[in-house]
Amino acid sequence: MRRLVDLTYASTRQRLVRALLELGDEHGEAEGGGVRIDIPLSLRDLAEMIGGLLARRRAESFRPWHGAA
């Protein structure tokens, strides 16, 4: 239910912060003055977690060109 409320009312920034905090709680290790999340995670993965369509499009634009002459 919280995810639906987030998608409806929270900004992309708020959803990103919440996702990073949850990842830190589940997979993070204290390091220096912060938390290190040491799991393989692409921009696309993160965008899908927060429902960010624009972020997915931006992630795709960073992929190298294949078959370019």
C-alpha atoms as a PDB file:
ATOM      1  CA  MET A   1       0.000   0.000   0.000  1.00  0.00           C
ATOM      2  CA  ARG A   2       2.838   2.403   0.832  1.00  0.00           C
ATOM      3  CA  ARG A   3       4.342   1.923  -2.634  1.00  0.00           C
ATOM      4  CA  LEU A   4       1.045   2.889  -4.250  1.00  0.00           C
ATOM      5  CA  VAL A   5       0.800   5.985  -2.059  1.00  0.00           C
ATOM      6  CA  ASP A   6       4.414   6.876  -2.909  1.00  0.00           C
ATOM      7  CA  LEU A   7       3.792   6.507  -6.640  1.00  0.00           C
ATOM      8  CA  THR A   8       0.703   8.684  -6.355  1.00  0.00           C
ATOM      9  CA  TYR A   9       1.825  11.460  -4.027  1.00  0.00           C
ATOM     10  CA  ALA A  10       5.614  11.383  -3.534  1.00  0.00           C
ATOM     11  CA  SER A  11       8.031  13.121  -5.867  1.00  0.00           C
ATOM     12  CA  THR A  12      10.687  11.152  -7.710  1.00  0.00           C
ATOM     13  CA  ARG A  13      13.263  12.564  -5.314  1.00  0.00           C
ATOM     14  CA  GLN A  14      11.265  11.412  -2.287  1.00  0.00           C
ATOM     15  CA  ARG A  15      10.843   7.922  -3.757  1.00  0.00           C
ATOM     16  CA  LEU A  16      14.576   7.747  -4.486  1.00  0.00           C
ATOM     17  CA  VAL A  17      15.488   8.752  -0.939  1.00  0.00           C
ATOM     18  CA  ARG A  18      13.101   6.169   0.519  1.00  0.00           C
ATOM     19  CA  ALA A  19      14.480   3.435  -1.773  1.00  0.00           C
ATOM     20  CA  LEU A  20      18.085   4.260  -0.830  1.00  0.00           C
ATOM     21  CA  LEU A  21      17.227   4.273   2.879  1.00  0.00           C
ATOM     22  CA  GLU A  22      15.522   0.880   2.551  1.00  0.00           C
ATOM     23  CA  LEU A  23      18.478  -0.530   0.596  1.00  0.00           C
ATOM     24  CA  GLY A  24      20.813   0.804   3.267  1.00  0.00           C
ATOM     25  CA  ASP A  25      18.770  -0.862   6.009  1.00  0.00           C
ATOM     26  CA  GLU A  26      18.684  -4.195   4.182  1.00  0.00           C
ATOM     27  CA  HIS A  27      22.108  -4.337   2.513  1.00  0.00           C
ATOM     28  CA  GLY A  28      24.177  -1.501   3.928  1.00  0.00           C
ATOM     29  CA  GLU A  29      27.328  -1.460   6.014  1.00  0.00           C
ATOM     30  CA  ALA A  30      28.449   1.496   8.095  1.00  0.00           C
ATOM     31  CA  GLU A  31      31.467   3.179   6.516  1.00  0.00           C
ATOM     32  CA  GLY A  32      32.975   6.449   7.604  1.00  0.00           C
ATOM     33  CA  GLY A  33      30.119   8.874   8.175  1.00  0.00           C
ATOM     34  CA  GLY A  34      27.651   7.032   5.951  1.00  0.00           C
ATOM     35  CA  VAL A  35      26.403   3.698   4.700  1.00  0.00           C
ATOM     36  CA  ARG A  36      27.846   1.708   1.817  1.00  0.00           C
ATOM     37  CA  ILE A  37      25.365  -0.299  -0.245  1.00  0.00           C
ATOM     38  CA  ASP A  38      27.565  -2.926  -1.866  1.00  0.00           C
ATOM     39  CA  ILE A  39      25.221  -4.674  -4.274  1.00  0.00           C
ATOM     40  CA  PRO A  40      25.171  -4.556  -8.080  1.00  0.00           C
ATOM     41  CA  LEU A  41      22.530  -1.982  -8.988  1.00  0.00           C
ATOM     42  CA  SER A  42      22.150  -0.190 -12.308  1.00  0.00           C
ATOM     43  CA  LEU A  43      20.377   3.098 -12.961  1.00  0.00           C
ATOM     44  CA  ARG A  44      17.636   1.103 -14.643  1.00  0.00           C
ATOM     45  CA  ASP A  45      17.232  -1.125 -11.563  1.00  0.00           C
ATOM     46  CA  LEU A  46      16.920   1.896  -9.325  1.00  0.00           C
ATOM     47  CA  ALA A  47      14.484   3.602 -11.703  1.00  0.00           C
ATOM     48  CA  GLU A  48      12.291   0.516 -11.739  1.00  0.00           C
ATOM     49  CA  MET A  49      12.323   0.390  -7.946  1.00  0.00           C
ATOM     50  CA  ILE A  50      10.987   3.933  -7.686  1.00  0.00           C
ATOM     51  CA  GLY A  51       8.748   3.900 -10.756  1.00  0.00           C
ATOM     52  CA  GLY A  52      10.775   6.542 -12.570  1.00  0.00           C
ATOM     53  CA  LEU A  53      10.038   6.321 -16.277  1.00  0.00           C
ATOM     54  CA  LEU A  54      12.201   9.345 -17.112  1.00  0.00           C
ATOM     55  CA  ALA A  55      15.124   7.857 -15.195  1.00  0.00           C
ATOM     56  CA  ARG A  56      14.811   4.651 -17.239  1.00  0.00           C
ATOM     57  CA  ARG A  57      14.960   6.654 -20.454  1.00  0.00           C
ATOM     58  CA  ARG A  58      18.024   8.534 -19.222  1.00  0.00           C
ATOM     59  CA  ALA A  59      19.713   5.268 -18.216  1.00  0.00           C
ATOM     60  CA  GLU A  60      19.122   3.912 -21.719  1.00  0.00           C
ATOM     61  CA  SER A  61      20.680   7.016 -23.260  1.00  0.00           C
ATOM     62  CA  PHE A  62      23.981   6.289 -21.457  1.00  0.00           C
ATOM     63  CA  ARG A  63      24.388   2.883 -23.093  1.00  0.00           C
ATOM     64  CA  PRO A  64      27.056   2.814 -25.785  1.00  0.00           C
ATOM     65  CA  TRP A  65      25.953   2.787 -29.391  1.00  0.00           C
ATOM     66  CA  HIS A  66      25.952  -0.701 -30.875  1.00  0.00           C
ATOM     67  CA  GLY A  67      26.633  -1.207 -34.555  1.00  0.00           C
ATOM     68  CA  ALA A  68      27.480   2.442 -35.193  1.00  0.00           C
ATOM     69  CA  ALA A  69      29.582   2.950 -38.280  1.00  0.00           C
END
